[in-house]
Protein backbone atom coordinates (compact mmCIF):
# COMPACT_ATOMS: atom_id res chain seq x y z
CA MET A 1 -6.51 -9.26 -8.46
CA HIS A 2 -5.13 -12.42 -6.90
CA ASP A 3 -8.67 -13.52 -6.03
CA LEU A 4 -9.38 -13.77 -9.77
CA ASP A 5 -5.97 -15.11 -10.80
CA PRO A 6 -3.48 -16.18 -8.10
CA ALA A 7 -0.67 -16.25 -10.68
CA ALA A 8 -1.30 -12.69 -11.88
CA GLN A 9 1.55 -10.25 -11.61
CA ASP A 10 0.69 -7.02 -9.86
CA GLU A 11 2.43 -3.82 -8.83
CA ALA A 12 2.96 -4.69 -5.15
CA GLY A 13 6.73 -4.82 -5.50
CA LEU A 14 7.12 -1.57 -7.42
CA SER A 15 8.33 1.72 -5.96
CA GLY A 16 5.50 3.71 -4.45
CA ALA A 17 3.10 0.76 -4.36
CA ARG A 18 2.52 1.01 -0.61
CA GLU A 19 1.47 3.91 1.54
CA GLY A 20 4.39 6.04 2.69
CA HIS A 21 6.94 4.57 0.29
CA LEU A 22 7.06 7.63 -1.99
CA VAL A 23 7.76 9.81 1.06
CA GLU A 24 10.61 7.49 2.08
CA LEU A 25 12.08 7.62 -1.43
CA PHE A 26 11.79 11.40 -1.69
CA GLU A 27 13.42 11.91 1.72
CA ARG A 28 16.23 9.47 0.85
CA ALA A 29 16.81 11.52 -2.29
CA GLY A 30 17.37 14.58 -0.12
CA LEU A 31 14.08 16.38 -0.63
CA ASP A 32 12.65 18.47 2.20
CA HIS A 33 9.09 19.27 3.27
CA VAL A 34 7.77 16.09 1.67
CA GLU A 35 3.98 15.81 1.78
CA GLN A 36 1.91 12.76 0.92
CA THR A 37 -1.62 12.80 -0.45
CA THR A 38 -3.91 10.08 -1.74
CA LEU A 39 -6.07 9.94 -4.85
CA ALA A 40 -9.07 7.61 -4.75
CA VAL A 41 -10.20 6.24 -8.08
CA ARG A 42 -13.11 4.03 -9.04
CA LEU A 43 -12.41 1.21 -11.46
CA ARG A 44 -16.00 0.75 -12.63
CA ASP A 45 -15.28 0.88 -16.37
CA ARG A 46 -12.44 -1.62 -16.21
CA CYS A 47 -14.51 -3.98 -14.05
CA ALA A 48 -17.35 -3.78 -16.56
CA GLU A 49 -14.92 -4.91 -19.25
CA LEU A 50 -13.56 -7.83 -17.22
CA LEU A 51 -16.48 -9.04 -15.12
CA PRO A 52 -19.96 -10.18 -16.06
CA PRO A 53 -22.83 -7.85 -15.10
CA PRO A 54 -23.83 -6.75 -12.60
CA SER A 55 -20.42 -5.65 -11.46
CA SER A 56 -19.86 -3.53 -8.43
CA HIS A 57 -17.27 -0.83 -8.06
CA ILE A 58 -13.75 -1.35 -6.83
CA ASP A 59 -12.03 1.48 -5.05
CA ALA A 60 -8.32 1.92 -5.58
CA VAL A 61 -5.86 4.30 -4.01
CA ALA A 62 -2.89 6.02 -5.62
CA TRP A 63 -0.35 7.78 -3.44
CA THR A 64 1.30 11.01 -4.47
CA ALA A 65 4.13 12.99 -2.92
CA LEU A 66 5.52 16.47 -3.29
CA GLY A 67 8.95 17.56 -2.05
CA ARG A 68 11.35 20.44 -2.48
CA ALA A 69 15.07 20.25 -3.11
């Protein structure tokens, strides 16, 4: 995003915005057996809205975590 607009605000500072951070938060909250997985998504439709054709795809990653109290 910063390549298009260096002043753009992004989610880099939010909780869970980096790999492993959700696991850290879950463990700090006292959850056990915390597992992390990743979800890969393709942002083709959004890129088509924002960029002139032909646009390529942009891969993004979302981290998920599951823990038990």
